[in-house]
PDB file of N, CA and C in Angstrom:
ATOM      1  N   GLN A   1       5.587  12.720  16.658  1.00  0.00           N
ATOM      2  CA  GLN A   1       5.418  11.323  16.257  1.00  0.00           C
ATOM      3  C   GLN A   1       4.634  11.271  14.956  1.00  0.00           C
ATOM      4  N   VAL A   2       5.098  10.443  14.043  1.00  0.00           N
ATOM      5  CA  VAL A   2       4.451  10.323  12.747  1.00  0.00           C
ATOM      6  C   VAL A   2       3.563   9.091  12.740  1.00  0.00           C
ATOM      7  N   GLN A   3       2.360   9.253  12.223  1.00  0.00           N
ATOM      8  CA  GLN A   3       1.430   8.135  12.097  1.00  0.00           C
ATOM      9  C   GLN A   3       1.000   7.986  10.653  1.00  0.00           C
ATOM     10  N   LEU A   4       0.696   6.745  10.279  1.00  0.00           N
ATOM     11  CA  LEU A   4       0.199   6.454   8.937  1.00  0.00           C
ATOM     12  C   LEU A   4      -1.252   5.994   9.040  1.00  0.00           C
ATOM     13  N   VAL A   5      -2.078   6.545   8.180  1.00  0.00           N
ATOM     14  CA  VAL A   5      -3.494   6.184   8.162  1.00  0.00           C
ATOM     15  C   VAL A   5      -3.853   5.734   6.754  1.00  0.00           C
ATOM     16  N   GLU A   6      -4.385   4.518   6.666  1.00  0.00           N
ATOM     17  CA  GLU A   6      -4.781   3.956   5.377  1.00  0.00           C
ATOM     18  C   GLU A   6      -6.288   4.071   5.202  1.00  0.00           C
ATOM     19  N   SER A   7      -6.699   4.063   3.957  1.00  0.00           N
ATOM     20  CA  SER A   7      -8.125   4.038   3.646  1.00  0.00           C
ATOM     21  C   SER A   7      -8.312   3.433   2.261  1.00  0.00           C
ATOM     22  N   GLY A   8      -9.556   3.036   1.982  1.00  0.00           N
ATOM     23  CA  GLY A   8      -9.888   2.582   0.637  1.00  0.00           C
ATOM     24  C   GLY A   8     -10.159   1.104   0.493  1.00  0.00           C
ATOM     25  N   GLY A   9      -9.944   0.308   1.534  1.00  0.00           N
ATOM     26  CA  GLY A   9     -10.208  -1.120   1.412  1.00  0.00           C
ATOM     27  C   GLY A   9     -11.694  -1.407   1.374  1.00  0.00           C
ATOM     28  N   GLY A  10     -12.007  -2.665   1.075  1.00  0.00           N
ATOM     29  CA  GLY A  10     -13.408  -3.063   1.036  1.00  0.00           C
ATOM     30  C   GLY A  10     -13.620  -4.337   0.276  1.00  0.00           C
ATOM     31  N   LEU A  11     -14.875  -4.567  -0.087  1.00  0.00           N
ATOM     32  CA  LEU A  11     -15.276  -5.760  -0.831  1.00  0.00           C
ATOM     33  C   LEU A  11     -15.454  -5.399  -2.307  1.00  0.00           C
ATOM     34  N   VAL A  12     -14.882  -6.194  -3.168  1.00  0.00           N
ATOM     35  CA  VAL A  12     -14.992  -5.951  -4.604  1.00  0.00           C
ATOM     36  C   VAL A  12     -15.102  -7.291  -5.326  1.00  0.00           C
ATOM     37  N   GLN A  13     -15.787  -7.290  -6.442  1.00  0.00           N
ATOM     38  CA  GLN A  13     -15.923  -8.514  -7.228  1.00  0.00           C
ATOM     39  C   GLN A  13     -14.660  -8.789  -8.032  1.00  0.00           C
ATOM     40  N   PRO A  14     -14.411 -10.019  -8.363  1.00  0.00           N
ATOM     41  CA  PRO A  14     -13.265 -10.337  -9.231  1.00  0.00           C
ATOM     42  C   PRO A  14     -13.331  -9.523 -10.526  1.00  0.00           C
ATOM     43  N   GLY A  15     -12.173  -9.004 -10.904  1.00  0.00           N
ATOM     44  CA  GLY A  15     -12.103  -8.150 -12.086  1.00  0.00           C
ATOM     45  C   GLY A  15     -12.304  -6.684 -11.792  1.00  0.00           C
ATOM     46  N   GLY A  16     -12.700  -6.372 -10.574  1.00  0.00           N
ATOM     47  CA  GLY A  16     -12.952  -4.993 -10.195  1.00  0.00           C
ATOM     48  C   GLY A  16     -11.692  -4.254  -9.797  1.00  0.00           C
ATOM     49  N   SER A  17     -11.901  -3.018  -9.347  1.00  0.00           N
ATOM     50  CA  SER A  17     -10.784  -2.148  -8.975  1.00  0.00           C
ATOM     51  C   SER A  17     -11.018  -1.521  -7.607  1.00  0.00           C
ATOM     52  N   LEU A  18      -9.921  -1.206  -6.955  1.00  0.00           N
ATOM     53  CA  LEU A  18      -9.936  -0.471  -5.693  1.00  0.00           C
ATOM     54  C   LEU A  18      -8.716   0.435  -5.650  1.00  0.00           C
ATOM     55  N   ARG A  19      -8.847   1.523  -4.920  1.00  0.00           N
ATOM     56  CA  ARG A  19      -7.719   2.428  -4.727  1.00  0.00           C
ATOM     57  C   ARG A  19      -7.484   2.601  -3.234  1.00  0.00           C
ATOM     58  N   LEU A  20      -6.300   2.223  -2.796  1.00  0.00           N
ATOM     59  CA  LEU A  20      -5.903   2.406  -1.405  1.00  0.00           C
ATOM     60  C   LEU A  20      -5.066   3.674  -1.288  1.00  0.00           C
ATOM     61  N   THR A  21      -5.236   4.363  -0.179  1.00  0.00           N
ATOM     62  CA  THR A  21      -4.405   5.535   0.075  1.00  0.00           C
ATOM     63  C   THR A  21      -3.797   5.436   1.466  1.00  0.00           C
ATOM     64  N   CYS A  22      -2.680   6.107   1.638  1.00  0.00           N
ATOM     65  CA  CYS A  22      -1.978   6.140   2.912  1.00  0.00           C
ATOM     66  C   CYS A  22      -1.461   7.555   3.123  1.00  0.00           C
ATOM     67  N   ALA A  23      -1.789   8.117   4.267  1.00  0.00           N
ATOM     68  CA  ALA A  23      -1.367   9.484   4.553  1.00  0.00           C
ATOM     69  C   ALA A  23      -0.552   9.505   5.840  1.00  0.00           C
ATOM     70  N   ALA A  24       0.553  10.224   5.793  1.00  0.00           N
ATOM     71  CA  ALA A  24       1.398  10.398   6.972  1.00  0.00           C
ATOM     72  C   ALA A  24       1.043  11.715   7.645  1.00  0.00           C
ATOM     73  N   SER A  25       0.925  11.676   8.963  1.00  0.00           N
ATOM     74  CA  SER A  25       0.620  12.896   9.716  1.00  0.00           C
ATOM     75  C   SER A  25       1.565  13.009  10.900  1.00  0.00           C
ATOM     76  N   GLY A  26       1.752  14.242  11.357  1.00  0.00           N
ATOM     77  CA  GLY A  26       2.668  14.486  12.462  1.00  0.00           C
ATOM     78  C   GLY A  26       3.823  15.348  11.999  1.00  0.00           C
ATOM     79  N   THR A  27       4.893  15.316  12.765  1.00  0.00           N
ATOM     80  CA  THR A  27       6.077  16.109  12.434  1.00  0.00           C
ATOM     81  C   THR A  27       6.936  15.303  11.477  1.00  0.00           C
ATOM     82  N   ILE A  28       6.868  15.667  10.193  1.00  0.00           N
ATOM     83  CA  ILE A  28       7.544  14.912   9.143  1.00  0.00           C
ATOM     84  C   ILE A  28       8.709  15.717   8.613  1.00  0.00           C
ATOM     85  N   PHE A  29       9.890  15.096   8.575  1.00  0.00           N
ATOM     86  CA  PHE A  29      11.015  15.825   8.009  1.00  0.00           C
ATOM     87  C   PHE A  29      11.541  15.169   6.742  1.00  0.00           C
ATOM     88  N   MET A  30      11.535  13.845   6.662  1.00  0.00           N
ATOM     89  CA  MET A  30      11.996  13.213   5.428  1.00  0.00           C
ATOM     90  C   MET A  30      11.461  11.791   5.328  1.00  0.00           C
ATOM     91  N   ILE A  31      10.724  11.547   4.254  1.00  0.00           N
ATOM     92  CA  ILE A  31      10.259  10.186   3.982  1.00  0.00           C
ATOM     93  C   ILE A  31      11.022   9.654   2.783  1.00  0.00           C
ATOM     94  N   TYR A  32      11.645   8.546   2.958  1.00  0.00           N
ATOM     95  CA  TYR A  32      12.418   7.940   1.884  1.00  0.00           C
ATOM     96  C   TYR A  32      11.526   6.964   1.118  1.00  0.00           C
ATOM     97  N   ALA A  33      11.750   5.692   1.285  1.00  0.00           N
ATOM     98  CA  ALA A  33      10.971   4.705   0.542  1.00  0.00           C
ATOM     99  C   ALA A  33       9.559   4.602   1.104  1.00  0.00           C
ATOM    100  N   MET A  34       8.631   4.285   0.220  1.00  0.00           N
ATOM    101  CA  MET A  34       7.256   3.978   0.594  1.00  0.00           C
ATOM    102  C   MET A  34       6.918   2.640  -0.049  1.00  0.00           C
ATOM    103  N   ALA A  35       6.080   1.880   0.607  1.00  0.00           N
ATOM    104  CA  ALA A  35       5.750   0.554   0.073  1.00  0.00           C
ATOM    105  C   ALA A  35       4.386   0.090   0.566  1.00  0.00           C
ATOM    106  N   TRP A  36       3.870  -0.887  -0.120  1.00  0.00           N
ATOM    107  CA  TRP A  36       2.662  -1.592   0.293  1.00  0.00           C
ATOM    108  C   TRP A  36       3.010  -3.065   0.518  1.00  0.00           C
ATOM    109  N   TYR A  37       2.463  -3.599   1.577  1.00  0.00           N
ATOM    110  CA  TYR A  37       2.570  -5.015   1.888  1.00  0.00           C
ATOM    111  C   TYR A  37       1.153  -5.550   2.080  1.00  0.00           C
ATOM    112  N   ARG A  38       1.025  -6.859   2.069  1.00  0.00           N
ATOM    113  CA  ARG A  38      -0.265  -7.461   2.367  1.00  0.00           C
ATOM    114  C   ARG A  38      -0.048  -8.752   3.155  1.00  0.00           C
ATOM    115  N   GLN A  39      -1.073  -9.111   3.882  1.00  0.00           N
ATOM    116  CA  GLN A  39      -0.967 -10.291   4.729  1.00  0.00           C
ATOM    117  C   GLN A  39      -2.300 -11.005   4.829  1.00  0.00           C
ATOM    118  N   VAL A  40      -2.245 -12.298   4.570  1.00  0.00           N
ATOM    119  CA  VAL A  40      -3.388 -13.170   4.797  1.00  0.00           C
ATOM    120  C   VAL A  40      -3.224 -13.751   6.191  1.00  0.00           C
ATOM    121  N   PRO A  41      -4.273 -13.749   6.994  1.00  0.00           N
ATOM    122  CA  PRO A  41      -4.149 -14.291   8.356  1.00  0.00           C
ATOM    123  C   PRO A  41      -3.507 -15.671   8.359  1.00  0.00           C
ATOM    124  N   GLY A  42      -2.507 -15.830   9.245  1.00  0.00           N
ATOM    125  CA  GLY A  42      -1.834 -17.115   9.357  1.00  0.00           C
ATOM    126  C   GLY A  42      -0.643 -17.269   8.436  1.00  0.00           C
ATOM    127  N   THR A  43      -0.362 -16.224   7.637  1.00  0.00           N
ATOM    128  CA  THR A  43       0.786 -16.282   6.737  1.00  0.00           C
ATOM    129  C   THR A  43       1.694 -15.079   6.972  1.00  0.00           C
ATOM    130  N   GLN A  44       2.874 -15.111   6.346  1.00  0.00           N
ATOM    131  CA  GLN A  44       3.806 -13.999   6.496  1.00  0.00           C
ATOM    132  C   GLN A  44       3.357 -12.800   5.680  1.00  0.00           C
ATOM    133  N   ARG A  45       3.724 -11.615   6.148  1.00  0.00           N
ATOM    134  CA  ARG A  45       3.442 -10.398   5.397  1.00  0.00           C
ATOM    135  C   ARG A  45       4.231 -10.429   4.090  1.00  0.00           C
ATOM    136  N   GLU A  46       3.576 -10.047   3.012  1.00  0.00           N
ATOM    137  CA  GLU A  46       4.158 -10.147   1.670  1.00  0.00           C
ATOM    138  C   GLU A  46       4.339  -8.759   1.080  1.00  0.00           C
ATOM    139  N   TRP A  47       5.492  -8.503   0.525  1.00  0.00           N
ATOM    140  CA  TRP A  47       5.758  -7.242  -0.165  1.00  0.00           C
ATOM    141  C   TRP A  47       4.958  -7.207  -1.469  1.00  0.00           C
ATOM    142  N   VAL A  48       4.340  -6.054  -1.737  1.00  0.00           N
ATOM    143  CA  VAL A  48       3.530  -5.906  -2.944  1.00  0.00           C
ATOM    144  C   VAL A  48       4.196  -4.968  -3.939  1.00  0.00           C
ATOM    145  N   ALA A  49       4.581  -3.790  -3.465  1.00  0.00           N
ATOM    146  CA  ALA A  49       5.178  -2.791  -4.350  1.00  0.00           C
ATOM    147  C   ALA A  49       5.876  -1.740  -3.514  1.00  0.00           C
ATOM    148  N   ASP A  50       6.840  -1.041  -4.122  1.00  0.00           N
ATOM    149  CA  ASP A  50       7.471   0.066  -3.442  1.00  0.00           C
ATOM    150  C   ASP A  50       7.806   1.180  -4.422  1.00  0.00           C
ATOM    151  N   ILE A  51       8.071   2.345  -3.864  1.00  0.00           N
ATOM    152  CA  ILE A  51       8.400   3.507  -4.689  1.00  0.00           C
ATOM    153  C   ILE A  51       9.421   4.350  -3.933  1.00  0.00           C
ATOM    154  N   THR A  52      10.485   4.745  -4.625  1.00  0.00           N
ATOM    155  CA  THR A  52      11.519   5.557  -4.004  1.00  0.00           C
ATOM    156  C   THR A  52      11.094   7.022  -3.965  1.00  0.00           C
ATOM    157  N   SER A  53      11.870   7.825  -3.275  1.00  0.00           N
ATOM    158  CA  SER A  53      11.561   9.257  -3.218  1.00  0.00           C
ATOM    159  C   SER A  53      11.669   9.892  -4.596  1.00  0.00           C
ATOM    160  N   GLY A  54      12.437   9.274  -5.470  1.00  0.00           N
ATOM    161  CA  GLY A  54      12.579   9.787  -6.821  1.00  0.00           C
ATOM    162  C   GLY A  54      11.533   9.275  -7.791  1.00  0.00           C
ATOM    163  N   GLY A  55      10.697   8.354  -7.320  1.00  0.00           N
ATOM    164  CA  GLY A  55       9.604   7.859  -8.151  1.00  0.00           C
ATOM    165  C   GLY A  55       9.848   6.535  -8.832  1.00  0.00           C
ATOM    166  N   THR A  56      10.958   5.891  -8.581  1.00  0.00           N
ATOM    167  CA  THR A  56      11.214   4.572  -9.154  1.00  0.00           C
ATOM    168  C   THR A  56      10.324   3.543  -8.461  1.00  0.00           C
ATOM    169  N   THR A  57       9.651   2.732  -9.261  1.00  0.00           N
ATOM    170  CA  THR A  57       8.706   1.762  -8.708  1.00  0.00           C
ATOM    171  C   THR A  57       9.154   0.325  -8.953  1.00  0.00           C
ATOM    172  N   ASN A  58       8.722  -0.546  -8.066  1.00  0.00           N
ATOM    173  CA  ASN A  58       8.977  -1.983  -8.185  1.00  0.00           C
ATOM    174  C   ASN A  58       7.717  -2.715  -7.756  1.00  0.00           C
ATOM    175  N   TYR A  59       7.469  -3.841  -8.407  1.00  0.00           N
ATOM    176  CA  TYR A  59       6.262  -4.616  -8.121  1.00  0.00           C
ATOM    177  C   TYR A  59       6.593  -6.092  -7.991  1.00  0.00           C
ATOM    178  N   SER A  60       5.818  -6.777  -7.150  1.00  0.00           N
ATOM    179  CA  SER A  60       5.948  -8.226  -7.100  1.00  0.00           C
ATOM    180  C   SER A  60       5.363  -8.798  -8.384  1.00  0.00           C
ATOM    181  N   ASP A  61       5.821  -9.960  -8.755  1.00  0.00           N
ATOM    182  CA  ASP A  61       5.346 -10.577  -9.993  1.00  0.00           C
ATOM    183  C   ASP A  61       3.835 -10.810  -9.956  1.00  0.00           C
ATOM    184  N   SER A  62       3.296 -11.049  -8.775  1.00  0.00           N
ATOM    185  CA  SER A  62       1.880 -11.379  -8.664  1.00  0.00           C
ATOM    186  C   SER A  62       0.962 -10.191  -8.964  1.00  0.00           C
ATOM    187  N   VAL A  63       1.482  -8.977  -8.892  1.00  0.00           N
ATOM    188  CA  VAL A  63       0.628  -7.808  -9.119  1.00  0.00           C
ATOM    189  C   VAL A  63       1.096  -6.958 -10.297  1.00  0.00           C
ATOM    190  N   LYS A  64       2.240  -7.271 -10.853  1.00  0.00           N
ATOM    191  CA  LYS A  64       2.804  -6.467 -11.939  1.00  0.00           C
ATOM    192  C   LYS A  64       1.824  -6.393 -13.103  1.00  0.00           C
ATOM    193  N   GLY A  65       1.600  -5.185 -13.588  1.00  0.00           N
ATOM    194  CA  GLY A  65       0.676  -4.987 -14.691  1.00  0.00           C
ATOM    195  C   GLY A  65      -0.752  -4.748 -14.247  1.00  0.00           C
ATOM    196  N   ARG A  66      -1.055  -4.984 -12.992  1.00  0.00           N
ATOM    197  CA  ARG A  66      -2.418  -4.790 -12.476  1.00  0.00           C
ATOM    198  C   ARG A  66      -2.482  -3.695 -11.425  1.00  0.00           C
ATOM    199  N   PHE A  67      -1.414  -3.540 -10.646  1.00  0.00           N
ATOM    200  CA  PHE A  67      -1.378  -2.553  -9.575  1.00  0.00           C
ATOM    201  C   PHE A  67      -0.422  -1.416  -9.961  1.00  0.00           C
ATOM    202  N   THR A  68      -0.743  -0.218  -9.488  1.00  0.00           N
ATOM    203  CA  THR A  68       0.125   0.935  -9.706  1.00  0.00           C
ATOM    204  C   THR A  68       0.306   1.682  -8.391  1.00  0.00           C
ATOM    205  N   ILE A  69       1.560   1.848  -8.001  1.00  0.00           N
ATOM    206  CA  ILE A  69       1.875   2.590  -6.794  1.00  0.00           C
ATOM    207  C   ILE A  69       2.274   4.016  -7.168  1.00  0.00           C
ATOM    208  N   SER A  70       1.875   4.972  -6.353  1.00  0.00           N
ATOM    209  CA  SER A  70       2.218   6.369  -6.610  1.00  0.00           C
ATOM    210  C   SER A  70       2.385   7.085  -5.277  1.00  0.00           C
ATOM    211  N   ARG A  71       3.013   8.254  -5.326  1.00  0.00           N
ATOM    212  CA  ARG A  71       3.210   9.031  -4.116  1.00  0.00           C
ATOM    213  C   ARG A  71       3.163  10.511  -4.437  1.00  0.00           C
ATOM    214  N   ASP A  72       2.788  11.281  -3.443  1.00  0.00           N
ATOM    215  CA  ASP A  72       2.798  12.741  -3.545  1.00  0.00           C
ATOM    216  C   ASP A  72       3.692  13.235  -2.413  1.00  0.00           C
ATOM    217  N   ASN A  73       4.910  13.609  -2.755  1.00  0.00           N
ATOM    218  CA  ASN A  73       5.882  13.999  -1.732  1.00  0.00           C
ATOM    219  C   ASN A  73       5.458  15.276  -1.000  1.00  0.00           C
ATOM    220  N   ALA A  74       4.780  16.153  -1.689  1.00  0.00           N
ATOM    221  CA  ALA A  74       4.357  17.408  -1.065  1.00  0.00           C
ATOM    222  C   ALA A  74       3.286  17.176   0.004  1.00  0.00           C
ATOM    223  N   LYS A  75       2.469  16.165  -0.211  1.00  0.00           N
ATOM    224  CA  LYS A  75       1.371  15.874   0.718  1.00  0.00           C
ATOM    225  C   LYS A  75       1.682  14.697   1.637  1.00  0.00           C
ATOM    226  N   ASN A  76       2.843  14.061   1.431  1.00  0.00           N
ATOM    227  CA  ASN A  76       3.222  12.886   2.241  1.00  0.00           C
ATOM    228  C   ASN A  76       2.155  11.798   2.172  1.00  0.00           C
ATOM    229  N   THR A  77       1.715  11.532   0.972  1.00  0.00           N
ATOM    230  CA  THR A  77       0.717  10.496   0.760  1.00  0.00           C
ATOM    231  C   THR A  77       1.194   9.483  -0.271  1.00  0.00           C
ATOM    232  N   MET A  78       0.549   8.351  -0.259  1.00  0.00           N
ATOM    233  CA  MET A  78       0.877   7.275  -1.184  1.00  0.00           C
ATOM    234  C   MET A  78      -0.426   6.587  -1.570  1.00  0.00           C
ATOM    235  N   ALA A  79      -0.455   6.026  -2.753  1.00  0.00           N
ATOM    236  CA  ALA A  79      -1.651   5.334  -3.196  1.00  0.00           C
ATOM    237  C   ALA A  79      -1.286   4.023  -3.875  1.00  0.00           C
ATOM    238  N   LEU A  80      -2.241   3.119  -3.897  1.00  0.00           N
ATOM    239  CA  LEU A  80      -2.098   1.873  -4.638  1.00  0.00           C
ATOM    240  C   LEU A  80      -3.378   1.679  -5.434  1.00  0.00           C
ATOM    241  N   GLN A  81      -3.270   1.845  -6.738  1.00  0.00           N
ATOM    242  CA  GLN A  81      -4.403   1.604  -7.619  1.00  0.00           C
ATOM    243  C   GLN A  81      -4.379   0.143  -8.022  1.00  0.00           C
ATOM    244  N   MET A  82      -5.433  -0.571  -7.671  1.00  0.00           N
ATOM    245  CA  MET A  82      -5.496  -2.009  -7.949  1.00  0.00           C
ATOM    246  C   MET A  82      -6.588  -2.273  -8.975  1.00  0.00           C
ATOM    247  N   THR A  83      -6.240  -2.930 -10.053  1.00  0.00           N
ATOM    248  CA  THR A  83      -7.204  -3.263 -11.092  1.00  0.00           C
ATOM    249  C   THR A  83      -7.169  -4.764 -11.357  1.00  0.00           C
ATOM    250  N   THR A  84      -8.161  -5.223 -12.091  1.00  0.00           N
ATOM    251  CA  THR A  84      -8.272  -6.646 -12.430  1.00  0.00           C
ATOM    252  C   THR A  84      -8.025  -7.509 -11.202  1.00  0.00           C
ATOM    253  N   LEU A  85      -8.718  -7.186 -10.146  1.00  0.00           N
ATOM    254  CA  LEU A  85      -8.496  -7.879  -8.873  1.00  0.00           C
ATOM    255  C   LEU A  85      -8.926  -9.337  -8.953  1.00  0.00           C
ATOM    256  N   LYS A  86      -8.175 -10.168  -8.235  1.00  0.00           N
ATOM    257  CA  LYS A  86      -8.417 -11.605  -8.200  1.00  0.00           C
ATOM    258  C   LYS A  86      -8.706 -12.034  -6.761  1.00  0.00           C
ATOM    259  N   PRO A  87      -9.386 -13.147  -6.584  1.00  0.00           N
ATOM    260  CA  PRO A  87      -9.640 -13.622  -5.211  1.00  0.00           C
ATOM    261  C   PRO A  87      -8.358 -13.786  -4.399  1.00  0.00           C
ATOM    262  N   GLU A  88      -7.262 -14.141  -5.067  1.00  0.00           N
ATOM    263  CA  GLU A  88      -6.003 -14.318  -4.338  1.00  0.00           C
ATOM    264  C   GLU A  88      -5.377 -12.997  -3.893  1.00  0.00           C
ATOM    265  N   ASP A  89      -5.960 -11.874  -4.286  1.00  0.00           N
ATOM    266  CA  ASP A  89      -5.514 -10.571  -3.788  1.00  0.00           C
ATOM    267  C   ASP A  89      -6.136 -10.250  -2.433  1.00  0.00           C
ATOM    268  N   THR A  90      -7.053 -11.078  -1.987  1.00  0.00           N
ATOM    269  CA  THR A  90      -7.690 -10.863  -0.697  1.00  0.00           C
ATOM    270  C   THR A  90      -6.661 -10.915   0.423  1.00  0.00           C
ATOM    271  N   ALA A  91      -6.610  -9.859   1.231  1.00  0.00           N
ATOM    272  CA  ALA A  91      -5.632  -9.752   2.308  1.00  0.00           C
ATOM    273  C   ALA A  91      -5.864  -8.447   3.053  1.00  0.00           C
ATOM    274  N   VAL A  92      -5.149  -8.279   4.139  1.00  0.00           N
ATOM    275  CA  VAL A  92      -5.067  -6.968   4.790  1.00  0.00           C
ATOM    276  C   VAL A  92      -3.850  -6.264   4.202  1.00  0.00           C
ATOM    277  N   TYR A  93      -4.057  -5.067   3.714  1.00  0.00           N
ATOM    278  CA  TYR A  93      -2.991  -4.301   3.067  1.00  0.00           C
ATOM    279  C   TYR A  93      -2.443  -3.253   4.043  1.00  0.00           C
ATOM    280  N   TYR A  94      -1.119  -3.211   4.128  1.00  0.00           N
ATOM    281  CA  TYR A  94      -0.431  -2.298   5.032  1.00  0.00           C
ATOM    282  C   TYR A  94       0.463  -1.352   4.240  1.00  0.00           C
ATOM    283  N   CYS A  95       0.449  -0.103   4.623  1.00  0.00           N
ATOM    284  CA  CYS A  95       1.403   0.816   4.024  1.00  0.00           C
ATOM    285  C   CYS A  95       2.608   0.936   4.939  1.00  0.00           C
ATOM    286  N   TYR A  96       3.728   1.216   4.318  1.00  0.00           N
ATOM    287  CA  TYR A  96       5.005   1.326   5.017  1.00  0.00           C
ATOM    288  C   TYR A  96       5.725   2.567   4.498  1.00  0.00           C
ATOM    289  N   MET A  97       6.354   3.281   5.414  1.00  0.00           N
ATOM    290  CA  MET A  97       7.198   4.413   5.036  1.00  0.00           C
ATOM    291  C   MET A  97       8.463   4.402   5.878  1.00  0.00           C
ATOM    292  N   ARG A  98       9.547   4.737   5.234  1.00  0.00           N
ATOM    293  CA  ARG A  98      10.813   4.912   5.931  1.00  0.00           C
ATOM    294  C   ARG A  98      10.944   6.398   6.221  1.00  0.00           C
ATOM    295  N   HIS A  99      10.826   6.750   7.492  1.00  0.00           N
ATOM    296  CA  HIS A  99      10.884   8.154   7.911  1.00  0.00           C
ATOM    297  C   HIS A  99      12.167   8.357   8.696  1.00  0.00           C
ATOM    298  N   GLY A 100      13.127   9.014   8.099  1.00  0.00           N
ATOM    299  CA  GLY A 100      14.419   9.154   8.744  1.00  0.00           C
ATOM    300  C   GLY A 100      15.023   7.784   8.971  1.00  0.00           C
ATOM    301  N   SER A 101      15.283   7.430  10.228  1.00  0.00           N
ATOM    302  CA  SER A 101      15.822   6.111  10.549  1.00  0.00           C
ATOM    303  C   SER A 101      14.748   5.175  11.104  1.00  0.00           C
ATOM    304  N   SER A 102      13.494   5.577  10.969  1.00  0.00           N
ATOM    305  CA  SER A 102      12.393   4.796  11.542  1.00  0.00           C
ATOM    306  C   SER A 102      11.554   4.115  10.468  1.00  0.00           C
ATOM    307  N   ASP A 103      11.083   2.926  10.799  1.00  0.00           N
ATOM    308  CA  ASP A 103      10.136   2.199   9.945  1.00  0.00           C
ATOM    309  C   ASP A 103       8.729   2.426  10.485  1.00  0.00           C
ATOM    310  N   LEU A 104       7.863   2.950   9.645  1.00  0.00           N
ATOM    311  CA  LEU A 104       6.494   3.239  10.046  1.00  0.00           C
ATOM    312  C   LEU A 104       5.530   2.322   9.311  1.00  0.00           C
ATOM    313  N   TRP A 105       4.516   1.872  10.030  1.00  0.00           N
ATOM    314  CA  TRP A 105       3.492   1.008   9.441  1.00  0.00           C
ATOM    315  C   TRP A 105       2.112   1.568   9.724  1.00  0.00           C
ATOM    316  N   GLY A 106       1.225   1.387   8.769  1.00  0.00           N
ATOM    317  CA  GLY A 106      -0.165   1.723   8.986  1.00  0.00           C
ATOM    318  C   GLY A 106      -0.865   0.600   9.736  1.00  0.00           C
ATOM    319  N   GLN A 107      -2.140   0.832  10.034  1.00  0.00           N
ATOM    320  CA  GLN A 107      -2.908  -0.128  10.830  1.00  0.00           C
ATOM    321  C   GLN A 107      -3.467  -1.257   9.971  1.00  0.00           C
ATOM    322  N   GLY A 108      -3.417  -1.092   8.680  1.00  0.00           N
ATOM    323  CA  GLY A 108      -3.926  -2.120   7.778  1.00  0.00           C
ATOM    324  C   GLY A 108      -5.349  -1.834   7.344  1.00  0.00           C
ATOM    325  N   THR A 109      -5.634  -2.136   6.091  1.00  0.00           N
ATOM    326  CA  THR A 109      -6.999  -1.999   5.575  1.00  0.00           C
ATOM    327  C   THR A 109      -7.334  -3.283   4.817  1.00  0.00           C
ATOM    328  N   PRO A 110      -8.474  -3.894   5.115  1.00  0.00           N
ATOM    329  CA  PRO A 110      -8.808  -5.183   4.496  1.00  0.00           C
ATOM    330  C   PRO A 110      -9.346  -5.023   3.084  1.00  0.00           C
ATOM    331  N   VAL A 111      -8.915  -5.915   2.228  1.00  0.00           N
ATOM    332  CA  VAL A 111      -9.420  -6.004   0.861  1.00  0.00           C
ATOM    333  C   VAL A 111      -9.931  -7.424   0.651  1.00  0.00           C
ATOM    334  N   THR A 112     -11.175  -7.531   0.239  1.00  0.00           N
ATOM    335  CA  THR A 112     -11.775  -8.832  -0.039  1.00  0.00           C
ATOM    336  C   THR A 112     -12.263  -8.858  -1.475  1.00  0.00           C
ATOM    337  N   VAL A 113     -11.771  -9.829  -2.238  1.00  0.00           N
ATOM    338  CA  VAL A 113     -12.179  -9.979  -3.635  1.00  0.00           C
ATOM    339  C   VAL A 113     -13.011 -11.250  -3.733  1.00  0.00           C
ATOM    340  N   SER A 114     -14.300 -11.063  -3.921  1.00  0.00           N
ATOM    341  CA  SER A 114     -15.207 -12.209  -3.916  1.00  0.00           C
ATOM    342  C   SER A 114     -16.486 -11.862  -4.658  1.00  0.00           C
ATOM    343  N   SER A 115     -17.064 -12.881  -5.278  1.00  0.00           N
ATOM    344  CA  SER A 115     -18.348 -12.682  -5.948  1.00  0.00           C
ATOM    345  C   SER A 115     -19.488 -13.061  -5.019  1.00  0.00           C
TER     346      SER A 115
END
């Protein structure tokens, strides 16, 4: 069974930076797409960014130019570098991986942007 573990969330001031990481553990044979989502309590989960196995990246308009998604296929890890953070970036961030025919989700890591 494959599990995803996120880390790196926390409290940061507006304009600051944070780096989230997600690591897959267990019996891994093939991870295709990787992505980050976020969710504010009481709202729908929102797609933030994704990256293909070949390294092609896509970003939502709300984070484009501020966030950078990356992955290390050899280590089965993914990261989200967040810069110029805004209060509206406050949410629980979830990592997602497509492992074979399965959709895997992390437990979520909270990010709070506040002065």
